[in-house]
Amino acid sequence: MIVSILHISDLHRDPDNPIRNDALLDSLENDRKRYVESEATPIRAPDLILVSGDVVQGVLHDADDAEGKLKRQYDEALDFLDRLAKSFVAGDRERVIVIPGNHDVSDYHFRRSLAAIPIAADRKREIVGKLFMPDTRMRWSWPDLELHEVADPAMYERRFEAFAQFYNEFYQGKRTYLTDSSKQIDFFDYPSFGMTVVAFSSCHNNDLLNRQGAIHPDCIGSAGQHLRDRSFDGRLRVATWHHNTEGSPSMSDYMDADIIQNLIDREISLGFHGHQHKPEFLDTRFRHGPDRRITVISAGTLCGGAAFGFRRAYNVVEIDVENRRGRLHLREMQNDNLQLPIWGPRPLPATASTFHEFTFEPPPAPLSRHDSRTVALIEAQKLFDEKRFDAAVALLVPHLTSEPLARRLLLECLGHMDDMASVIRYFDPPKSEIEAITLMDALWAEKDKVRLAEVLAMSLIASSVDPALVEVRTKYARRLS
């Protein structure tokens, strides 16, 4: 099954932004119609929406009515995301993943948490040492040439208060967001898609005087512990955060790449972020051990100022979970009227195509069970990786009715073996769209037109809107007519 993700980032919603909600939503709906129906390479309509930070523009501490202005910005964002969810995912807010970015940090509360620190001559060495410690509470202000300290930790945590209120309201109380950065993590599980998304805040200890991004170590540890539960066995692990992980020597507002290595160590296969206001695709390899990588995708800014050489943009990412393949489609603003954007395809850097195809690492082997089924699945996966498909099939067949993972892996084995008779034997009737596609191909190859006609009439196939299945269904319906 193909899962399509609408990946938007850096919304910078603000009543003063030239792109109003009505025009923005209408432009995204128009573009969806184009890429689903009209373009040479059709794209599946989004199943999930991922918002990777900077939901609002933010308000400086010395603005008049700073808290009121911030509230109005979040009201604007809430209206937009509410309507976007209704239009793109039938109003199911559980299919919308939202995280904060650095612009969601309240400068008003941050500044109120500070106290000036006089720099006495006999304390210079001590102060410099503290200033550059990890998670330091010391802050240096270059514009003022002054040293400050976060003297009120409770007030400092309140810099996420407005985002937390917005988050709780958007999810209608079903999800809550805490201002404690050690607990700023959420999990979005999609069993029908075979996928779990871990939503991190990369704004730990982040503010306008300490711009570096970071995920709290407790959140990374919590992700590892949470995903060990047997209910997540076989799920593709996806993560989202806000900050990019590299920058020029003059920049400091990016995240330590070692955090990415820790995500790989938790066997997360895909990552999505924003922040840099430009689209990017990276395959990052683990440098401390096994040859495993994370595939990282960055979105441009939807409503902010684009990076040099780019325009405002967003992504649509199609994920084939079972076959571990994906397509990244970059959608970029085509015109210059900031009030009325028109979106269209743009090739990613270093490519000539309107999409970029990629592969990604598999989910981790199930470790929460040690029964015979688990041992068989692990061994079958090894045999599959070694291209010993016959031996893998022999291990998988006894577990077809009790283990969904065995069913998916068996289908892949038989496909590599071109064993159409066995596809019909084990996957008729089909239980998923990918099984239906493979079964139709097998029935045609085996010249069983009678059964193929019966299969085409099945509800799973006849009512499907999956583009790949629709294409195969149409092809065989024409051949049988």
Protein backbone atom coordinates (compact mmCIF):
# COMPACT_ATOMS: atom_id res chain seq x y z
CA MET A 1 0.00 0.00 0.00
CA ILE A 2 1.18 3.53 -0.83
CA VAL A 3 0.94 6.15 1.92
CA SER A 4 1.02 9.77 0.80
CA ILE A 5 2.28 12.46 3.20
CA LEU A 6 1.63 16.17 2.74
CA HIS A 7 4.79 17.63 4.33
CA ILE A 8 4.47 21.34 5.10
CA SER A 9 6.74 23.40 7.30
CA ASP A 10 7.45 26.92 8.48
CA LEU A 11 3.89 28.17 8.13
CA HIS A 12 4.66 31.42 10.01
CA ARG A 13 0.94 32.08 10.40
CA ASP A 14 0.27 35.65 11.36
CA PRO A 15 -2.69 37.98 10.68
CA ASP A 16 -0.10 40.32 9.09
CA ASN A 17 1.21 37.67 6.65
CA PRO A 18 0.23 38.55 3.05
CA ILE A 19 -1.01 34.98 2.42
CA ARG A 20 -4.39 34.72 4.10
CA ASN A 21 -5.89 31.39 5.11
CA ASP A 22 -8.63 31.42 2.45
CA ALA A 23 -6.22 31.95 -0.43
CA LEU A 24 -3.61 29.56 0.99
CA LEU A 25 -6.07 26.72 1.47
CA ASP A 26 -7.63 27.27 -1.95
CA SER A 27 -4.19 27.22 -3.60
CA LEU A 28 -3.30 23.91 -1.94
CA GLU A 29 -6.62 22.39 -2.98
CA ASN A 30 -6.10 23.55 -6.57
CA ASP A 31 -2.61 22.06 -6.60
CA ARG A 32 -3.89 18.76 -5.20
CA LYS A 33 -6.37 18.54 -8.07
CA ARG A 34 -3.52 19.09 -10.55
CA TYR A 35 -1.09 16.55 -9.14
CA VAL A 36 -3.76 13.88 -8.56
CA GLU A 37 -5.61 14.23 -11.87
CA SER A 38 -3.73 16.21 -14.52
CA GLU A 39 0.03 15.88 -14.35
CA ALA A 40 2.14 13.37 -16.27
CA THR A 41 3.18 11.63 -13.04
CA PRO A 42 0.04 11.40 -10.88
CA ILE A 43 0.54 11.66 -7.12
CA ARG A 44 -1.65 9.93 -4.56
CA ALA A 45 -3.83 12.34 -2.60
CA PRO A 46 -2.39 12.83 0.91
CA ASP A 47 -3.29 10.33 3.63
CA LEU A 48 -1.35 12.17 6.37
CA ILE A 49 -0.33 15.77 7.01
CA LEU A 50 3.00 16.48 8.69
CA VAL A 51 3.69 20.01 9.96
CA SER A 52 7.35 20.23 10.93
CA GLY A 53 7.44 23.38 13.03
CA ASP A 54 7.27 27.19 13.01
CA VAL A 55 3.50 27.14 13.12
CA VAL A 56 3.42 30.90 13.81
CA GLN A 57 5.69 33.85 13.08
CA GLY A 58 6.22 34.65 16.77
CA VAL A 59 6.27 37.97 18.62
CA LEU A 60 9.22 39.84 20.10
CA HIS A 61 9.15 40.53 23.81
CA ASP A 62 8.94 44.32 23.48
CA ALA A 63 5.92 44.31 21.13
CA ASP A 64 2.73 45.97 22.37
CA ASP A 65 0.37 43.33 23.79
CA ALA A 66 2.89 40.55 23.00
CA GLU A 67 0.83 37.76 24.55
CA GLY A 68 -2.35 38.91 22.78
CA LYS A 69 -0.58 39.07 19.41
CA LEU A 70 0.84 35.58 19.91
CA LYS A 71 -2.63 34.27 20.75
CA ARG A 72 -4.05 35.81 17.56
CA GLN A 73 -1.30 34.15 15.52
CA TYR A 74 -2.17 30.75 16.98
CA ASP A 75 -5.85 31.39 16.32
CA GLU A 76 -4.89 31.99 12.69
CA ALA A 77 -2.89 28.74 12.62
CA LEU A 78 -5.70 26.81 14.29
CA ASP A 79 -8.21 28.01 11.70
CA PHE A 80 -5.90 27.03 8.84
CA LEU A 81 -5.02 23.55 10.14
CA ASP A 82 -8.62 22.83 11.09
CA ARG A 83 -9.77 23.57 7.54
CA LEU A 84 -6.76 21.81 5.99
CA ALA A 85 -7.61 18.65 7.97
CA LYS A 86 -11.24 18.79 6.82
CA SER A 87 -10.22 19.21 3.19
CA PHE A 88 -7.32 16.75 2.99
CA VAL A 89 -7.94 14.01 5.60
CA ALA A 90 -11.73 14.12 6.11
CA GLY A 91 -11.35 16.06 9.35
CA ASP A 92 -9.39 13.30 11.11
CA ARG A 93 -6.97 15.32 13.24
CA GLU A 94 -5.17 12.14 14.29
CA ARG A 95 -3.83 12.08 10.74
CA VAL A 96 -2.21 15.50 11.27
CA ILE A 97 1.16 15.56 13.04
CA VAL A 98 2.22 18.96 14.42
CA ILE A 99 5.46 19.89 16.18
CA PRO A 100 6.88 23.25 17.35
CA GLY A 101 9.74 25.19 15.83
CA ASN A 102 11.95 27.97 17.10
CA HIS A 103 9.38 30.62 16.08
CA ASP A 104 6.91 28.91 18.42
CA VAL A 105 9.16 29.79 21.37
CA SER A 106 7.68 32.79 23.18
CA ASP A 107 10.30 35.52 23.39
CA TYR A 108 8.07 37.37 25.88
CA HIS A 109 8.29 34.61 28.48
CA PHE A 110 11.95 33.95 27.73
CA ARG A 111 12.94 37.56 28.43
CA ARG A 112 10.94 37.63 31.65
CA SER A 113 12.91 34.59 32.89
CA LEU A 114 16.27 36.38 32.58
CA ALA A 115 18.36 38.25 35.12
CA ALA A 116 21.41 40.36 34.25
CA ILE A 117 24.77 39.00 35.44
CA PRO A 118 27.54 41.52 36.15
CA ILE A 119 30.91 40.34 34.83
CA ALA A 120 33.32 40.82 37.70
CA ALA A 121 36.99 40.63 36.77
CA ASP A 122 37.65 37.70 39.11
CA ARG A 123 34.76 35.66 37.62
CA LYS A 124 35.57 35.94 33.89
CA ARG A 125 37.07 32.45 33.57
CA GLU A 126 34.23 30.87 35.57
CA ILE A 127 31.58 32.66 33.51
CA VAL A 128 33.11 31.72 30.16
CA GLY A 129 33.22 28.09 31.26
CA LYS A 130 29.53 28.13 32.21
CA LEU A 131 28.50 29.97 29.04
CA PHE A 132 29.70 27.13 26.80
CA MET A 133 28.48 24.19 28.88
CA PRO A 134 25.78 21.94 27.41
CA ASP A 135 22.28 23.02 28.51
CA THR A 136 23.73 26.18 30.00
CA ARG A 137 21.38 28.71 31.55
CA MET A 138 23.79 31.53 30.75
CA ARG A 139 22.98 33.76 27.76
CA TRP A 140 25.13 36.35 26.01
CA SER A 141 23.37 39.17 24.14
CA TRP A 142 25.55 40.59 21.37
CA PRO A 143 23.31 43.59 20.61
CA ASP A 144 23.50 44.67 24.26
CA LEU A 145 26.94 43.24 25.04
CA GLU A 146 25.40 41.90 28.23
CA LEU A 147 25.40 38.59 30.06
CA HIS A 148 22.17 37.10 31.38
CA GLU A 149 21.10 34.00 33.22
CA VAL A 150 17.82 32.11 33.15
CA ALA A 151 16.98 32.90 36.75
CA ASP A 152 13.34 31.78 36.66
CA PRO A 153 13.19 28.24 35.19
CA ALA A 154 9.39 28.07 35.62
CA MET A 155 8.94 31.22 33.55
CA TYR A 156 11.45 29.92 31.00
CA GLU A 157 9.34 26.78 30.48
CA ARG A 158 6.32 28.97 29.83
CA ARG A 159 7.85 29.98 26.48
CA PHE A 160 5.94 26.94 25.10
CA GLU A 161 2.71 27.81 26.89
CA ALA A 162 0.97 29.33 23.86
CA PHE A 163 1.97 26.43 21.60
CA ALA A 164 0.76 23.93 24.21
CA GLN A 165 -2.64 25.66 24.38
CA PHE A 166 -2.88 25.63 20.59
CA TYR A 167 -1.87 21.94 20.48
CA ASN A 168 -4.42 20.90 23.09
CA GLU A 169 -7.14 22.84 21.30
CA PHE A 170 -6.30 21.47 17.85
CA TYR A 171 -6.47 17.88 19.09
CA GLN A 172 -9.63 18.72 21.05
CA GLY A 173 -8.18 17.51 24.35
CA LYS A 174 -7.28 14.06 23.01
CA ARG A 175 -3.61 15.01 23.02
CA THR A 176 -1.79 17.39 25.34
CA TYR A 177 1.55 19.16 25.10
CA LEU A 178 3.77 19.80 28.11
CA THR A 179 6.02 22.81 28.55
CA ASP A 180 8.70 20.59 30.14
CA SER A 181 11.13 19.90 27.27
CA SER A 182 12.05 16.50 28.71
CA LYS A 183 8.48 15.40 27.91
CA GLN A 184 7.99 17.09 24.54
CA ILE A 185 7.44 13.95 22.49
CA ASP A 186 4.31 12.41 21.01
CA PHE A 187 3.53 9.20 19.09
CA PHE A 188 1.19 8.83 16.14
CA ASP A 189 0.57 5.17 15.32
CA TYR A 190 -1.05 4.07 12.06
CA PRO A 191 -1.50 0.28 12.02
CA SER A 192 -3.35 0.35 8.70
CA PHE A 193 -0.35 2.05 7.11
CA GLY A 194 2.25 -0.09 8.93
CA MET A 195 3.85 3.09 10.26
CA THR A 196 4.54 4.93 13.52
CA VAL A 197 5.56 8.60 13.62
CA VAL A 198 7.56 9.91 16.58
CA ALA A 199 7.05 13.68 16.93
CA PHE A 200 9.97 15.43 18.66
CA SER A 201 10.55 19.01 19.69
CA SER A 202 14.04 20.11 18.65
CA CYS A 203 13.70 23.30 20.72
CA HIS A 204 15.19 22.03 23.98
CA ASN A 205 16.97 24.98 25.65
CA ASN A 206 16.23 27.06 22.53
CA ASP A 207 15.51 30.79 22.53
CA LEU A 208 16.56 33.94 20.69
CA LEU A 209 19.87 34.10 22.56
CA ASN A 210 20.58 30.36 22.20
CA ARG A 211 19.48 29.43 18.70
CA GLN A 212 20.93 25.93 18.50
CA GLY A 213 18.39 23.15 18.05
CA ALA A 214 18.35 20.09 20.32
CA ILE A 215 16.11 17.19 21.26
CA HIS A 216 16.08 16.49 24.98
CA PRO A 217 17.97 13.25 25.73
CA ASP A 218 15.03 11.96 27.79
CA CYS A 219 12.80 12.20 24.71
CA ILE A 220 15.17 10.10 22.63
CA GLY A 221 15.38 7.54 25.42
CA SER A 222 11.60 7.58 25.79
CA ALA A 223 11.19 6.92 22.06
CA GLY A 224 13.42 3.86 22.26
CA GLN A 225 11.59 2.47 25.27
CA HIS A 226 8.14 3.17 23.84
CA LEU A 227 8.87 1.54 20.48
CA ARG A 228 10.04 -1.67 22.15
CA ASP A 229 6.44 -2.51 22.97
CA ARG A 230 5.33 -5.52 20.95
CA SER A 231 2.37 -3.59 19.51
CA PHE A 232 4.88 -1.72 17.32
CA ASP A 233 6.49 -4.86 15.88
CA GLY A 234 6.85 -4.51 12.14
CA ARG A 235 6.01 -0.80 12.05
CA LEU A 236 8.08 1.49 9.87
CA ARG A 237 9.59 4.03 12.28
CA VAL A 238 9.35 7.66 11.16
CA ALA A 239 10.46 10.74 13.10
CA THR A 240 9.88 14.45 12.68
CA TRP A 241 11.63 17.42 14.27
CA HIS A 242 12.21 21.02 13.22
CA HIS A 243 15.91 21.93 12.89
CA ASN A 244 18.35 21.00 10.13
CA THR A 245 21.63 19.34 11.13
CA GLU A 246 24.22 21.35 9.24
CA GLY A 247 24.99 24.96 8.45
CA SER A 248 27.67 27.41 7.39
CA PRO A 249 30.43 28.50 9.82
CA SER A 250 28.54 31.73 10.51
CA MET A 251 25.43 29.85 11.63
CA SER A 252 24.60 28.31 15.00
CA ASP A 253 20.87 27.59 14.65
CA TYR A 254 21.11 23.94 13.64
CA MET A 255 21.01 20.66 15.52
CA ASP A 256 23.99 18.47 16.44
CA ALA A 257 24.20 15.68 13.85
CA ASP A 258 24.91 13.20 16.64
CA ILE A 259 21.22 13.40 17.54
CA ILE A 260 20.47 11.96 14.09
CA GLN A 261 22.88 9.13 14.83
CA ASN A 262 20.92 8.42 18.00
CA LEU A 263 17.71 8.24 15.99
CA ILE A 264 19.35 5.71 13.69
CA ASP A 265 20.37 3.75 16.76
CA ARG A 266 16.63 3.57 17.60
CA GLU A 267 16.14 2.11 14.08
CA ILE A 268 14.16 5.05 12.78
CA SER A 269 14.11 4.81 8.98
CA LEU A 270 12.71 8.17 7.83
CA GLY A 271 13.01 11.71 9.18
CA PHE A 272 11.19 14.92 8.24
CA HIS A 273 12.16 18.47 9.24
CA GLY A 274 11.99 22.09 8.14
CA HIS A 275 13.65 25.25 9.52
CA GLN A 276 16.15 26.01 6.74
CA HIS A 277 13.40 27.18 4.34
CA LYS A 278 14.72 25.06 1.50
CA PRO A 279 13.95 21.51 0.32
CA GLU A 280 16.64 18.89 0.73
CA PHE A 281 17.11 15.13 0.61
CA LEU A 282 19.83 13.35 2.61
CA ASP A 283 20.80 9.72 3.19
CA THR A 284 22.70 9.80 6.48
CA ARG A 285 24.69 6.70 7.38
CA PHE A 286 25.43 5.45 10.87
CA ARG A 287 29.07 6.09 11.68
CA HIS A 288 29.33 4.21 14.99
CA GLY A 289 28.39 0.66 14.08
CA PRO A 290 26.13 -1.28 11.70
CA ASP A 291 25.68 -0.06 8.16
CA ARG A 292 22.25 1.47 8.70
CA ARG A 293 21.07 4.86 7.54
CA ILE A 294 18.23 7.31 8.02
CA THR A 295 16.60 8.99 5.03
CA VAL A 296 15.99 12.66 5.88
CA ILE A 297 13.67 14.97 3.95
CA SER A 298 13.46 18.74 4.47
CA ALA A 299 10.54 20.91 3.35
CA GLY A 300 10.78 24.49 2.21
CA THR A 301 8.76 27.24 3.86
CA LEU A 302 5.04 27.41 3.10
CA CYS A 303 4.54 31.07 4.04
CA GLY A 304 7.90 32.50 5.19
CA GLY A 305 10.86 33.97 3.33
CA ALA A 306 12.48 31.28 1.16
CA ALA A 307 16.20 30.53 1.18
CA PHE A 308 18.39 31.92 -1.59
CA GLY A 309 17.69 30.18 -4.90
CA PHE A 310 14.32 28.80 -3.78
CA ARG A 311 10.73 29.91 -3.57
CA ARG A 312 8.07 29.01 -1.05
CA ALA A 313 7.44 25.29 -1.29
CA TYR A 314 6.13 22.10 0.25
CA ASN A 315 6.48 18.35 -0.33
CA VAL A 316 4.26 15.42 -1.12
CA VAL A 317 6.02 12.18 -0.21
CA GLU A 318 4.69 8.79 -1.33
CA ILE A 319 5.84 5.87 0.83
CA ASP A 320 5.57 2.21 -0.23
CA VAL A 321 6.01 0.71 3.23
CA GLU A 322 6.07 -2.93 2.15
CA ASN A 323 8.63 -2.49 -0.62
CA ARG A 324 10.65 0.19 1.23
CA ARG A 325 10.52 2.67 -1.63
CA GLY A 326 9.47 6.28 -1.78
CA ARG A 327 8.95 9.22 -4.09
CA LEU A 328 9.60 12.80 -3.04
CA HIS A 329 7.62 15.41 -5.00
CA LEU A 330 8.61 19.05 -4.55
CA ARG A 331 5.82 21.58 -5.07
CA GLU A 332 7.00 25.17 -5.45
CA MET A 333 5.29 28.53 -5.82
CA GLN A 334 5.23 29.39 -9.53
CA ASN A 335 4.20 33.06 -9.44
CA ASP A 336 5.29 36.24 -7.65
CA ASN A 337 2.01 37.29 -6.03
CA LEU A 338 2.50 36.46 -2.35
CA GLN A 339 -1.19 36.97 -1.67
CA LEU A 340 -2.36 34.45 -4.29
CA PRO A 341 0.15 31.61 -4.65
CA ILE A 342 0.04 29.10 -7.51
CA TRP A 343 1.93 25.86 -6.87
CA GLY A 344 3.53 23.45 -9.31
CA PRO A 345 6.29 20.85 -9.63
CA ARG A 346 9.97 21.69 -9.40
CA PRO A 347 12.89 19.26 -9.76
CA LEU A 348 14.93 18.78 -6.64
CA PRO A 349 18.53 20.05 -6.77
CA ALA A 350 20.82 17.83 -8.88
CA THR A 351 17.87 16.08 -10.57
CA ALA A 352 15.96 16.72 -13.78
CA SER A 353 12.83 14.83 -12.79
CA THR A 354 9.79 16.26 -11.04
CA PHE A 355 10.20 13.58 -8.39
CA HIS A 356 13.05 11.84 -6.60
CA GLU A 357 12.86 8.09 -5.98
CA PHE A 358 14.55 6.66 -2.90
CA THR A 359 14.76 3.60 -0.71
CA PHE A 360 14.86 3.40 3.06
CA GLU A 361 15.81 1.02 5.84
CA PRO A 362 13.35 -1.67 6.96
CA PRO A 363 11.60 -1.75 10.33
CA PRO A 364 13.59 -3.50 13.05
CA ALA A 365 13.14 -7.24 13.42
CA PRO A 366 10.61 -8.05 16.16
CA LEU A 367 12.42 -8.40 19.47
CA SER A 368 9.55 -8.32 21.93
CA ARG A 369 8.58 -11.97 21.38
CA HIS A 370 10.85 -14.98 21.48
CA ASP A 371 8.42 -17.65 20.34
CA SER A 372 8.84 -19.82 17.27
CA ARG A 373 7.05 -17.30 15.04
CA THR A 374 9.53 -14.55 15.90
CA VAL A 375 12.53 -16.81 15.30
CA ALA A 376 11.07 -17.94 11.98
CA LEU A 377 10.43 -14.37 10.82
CA ILE A 378 13.91 -13.19 11.71
CA GLU A 379 15.46 -16.16 9.93
CA ALA A 380 13.18 -15.67 6.90
CA GLN A 381 14.19 -12.01 6.66
CA LYS A 382 17.86 -13.04 6.65
CA LEU A 383 17.20 -15.59 3.90
CA PHE A 384 15.31 -12.95 1.91
CA ASP A 385 18.22 -10.52 2.21
CA GLU A 386 20.51 -13.31 0.96
CA LYS A 387 18.11 -13.89 -1.98
CA ARG A 388 17.41 -17.46 -0.81
CA PHE A 389 13.74 -17.07 -1.53
CA ASP A 390 12.80 -20.78 -1.64
CA ALA A 391 14.14 -21.33 1.88
CA ALA A 392 12.39 -18.19 3.15
CA VAL A 393 9.06 -19.35 1.68
CA ALA A 394 9.32 -22.68 3.51
CA LEU A 395 9.69 -20.83 6.83
CA LEU A 396 6.92 -18.31 6.17
CA VAL A 397 4.04 -20.46 4.91
CA PRO A 398 3.22 -22.08 8.31
CA HIS A 399 2.74 -18.60 9.86
CA LEU A 400 0.52 -16.99 7.19
CA THR A 401 -2.69 -17.02 9.22
CA SER A 402 -1.13 -15.93 12.51
CA GLU A 403 1.49 -13.37 11.51
CA PRO A 404 0.84 -10.40 9.16
CA LEU A 405 4.58 -9.85 8.73
CA ALA A 406 4.93 -13.37 7.33
CA ARG A 407 2.25 -12.61 4.77
CA ARG A 408 3.95 -9.45 3.54
CA LEU A 409 7.38 -11.06 3.31
CA LEU A 410 6.00 -14.13 1.52
CA LEU A 411 4.44 -11.91 -1.14
CA GLU A 412 7.80 -10.26 -1.75
CA CYS A 413 9.54 -13.66 -2.00
CA LEU A 414 7.06 -15.04 -4.52
CA GLY A 415 7.34 -11.84 -6.56
CA HIS A 416 11.12 -12.23 -6.78
CA MET A 417 10.66 -15.91 -7.74
CA ASP A 418 8.00 -15.06 -10.35
CA ASP A 419 5.93 -17.89 -8.85
CA MET A 420 2.48 -16.84 -10.01
CA ALA A 421 0.83 -20.15 -9.15
CA SER A 422 1.86 -19.78 -5.50
CA VAL A 423 0.68 -16.17 -5.44
CA ILE A 424 -2.78 -17.42 -6.42
CA ARG A 425 -2.58 -20.28 -3.92
CA TYR A 426 -1.74 -18.13 -0.89
CA PHE A 427 -3.22 -14.70 -1.71
CA ASP A 428 -6.61 -15.44 -3.24
CA PRO A 429 -8.66 -13.77 -1.87
CA PRO A 430 -6.43 -10.72 -1.27
CA LYS A 431 -6.40 -8.84 2.03
CA SER A 432 -4.65 -5.65 0.95
CA GLU A 433 -4.24 -3.48 -2.12
CA ILE A 434 -0.70 -4.68 -2.85
CA GLU A 435 -1.93 -8.29 -2.61
CA ALA A 436 -4.78 -7.45 -4.99
CA ILE A 437 -2.40 -5.94 -7.57
CA THR A 438 -0.07 -8.95 -7.42
CA LEU A 439 -2.98 -11.40 -7.58
CA MET A 440 -4.43 -9.76 -10.69
CA ASP A 441 -1.04 -9.99 -12.41
CA ALA A 442 -0.76 -13.64 -11.39
CA LEU A 443 -4.24 -14.59 -12.65
CA TRP A 444 -3.54 -12.97 -16.00
CA ALA A 445 -0.17 -14.71 -16.26
CA GLU A 446 -1.84 -18.05 -15.48
CA LYS A 447 -4.61 -17.30 -18.04
CA ASP A 448 -7.40 -17.67 -15.47
CA LYS A 449 -9.69 -15.01 -16.94
CA VAL A 450 -12.79 -16.31 -15.21
CA ARG A 451 -11.31 -15.88 -11.74
CA LEU A 452 -9.73 -12.54 -12.75
CA ALA A 453 -13.18 -11.20 -13.63
CA GLU A 454 -14.47 -12.35 -10.22
CA VAL A 455 -11.55 -10.71 -8.44
CA LEU A 456 -12.13 -7.41 -10.28
CA ALA A 457 -15.64 -7.35 -8.82
CA MET A 458 -14.46 -7.72 -5.21
CA SER A 459 -15.20 -4.72 -3.00
CA LEU A 460 -11.54 -4.28 -2.04
CA ILE A 461 -10.67 -3.78 -5.71
CA ALA A 462 -13.80 -2.29 -7.25
CA SER A 463 -14.11 0.50 -4.67
CA SER A 464 -10.41 1.31 -4.24
CA VAL A 465 -9.11 4.80 -5.03
CA ASP A 466 -5.44 3.81 -4.69
CA PRO A 467 -3.82 5.09 -7.94
CA ALA A 468 -1.66 2.00 -8.46
CA LEU A 469 -4.57 -0.39 -7.94
CA VAL A 470 -6.89 1.70 -10.11
CA GLU A 471 -4.34 1.59 -12.93
CA VAL A 472 -4.02 -2.22 -12.78
CA ARG A 473 -7.78 -2.68 -12.36
CA THR A 474 -8.45 -0.54 -15.43
CA LYS A 475 -5.84 -2.39 -17.47
CA TYR A 476 -7.32 -5.84 -16.83
CA ALA A 477 -10.92 -4.65 -17.17
CA ARG A 478 -10.08 -3.44 -20.67
CA ARG A 479 -8.34 -6.70 -21.55
CA LEU A 480 -11.34 -8.72 -20.45
CA SER A 481 -13.89 -6.54 -22.24
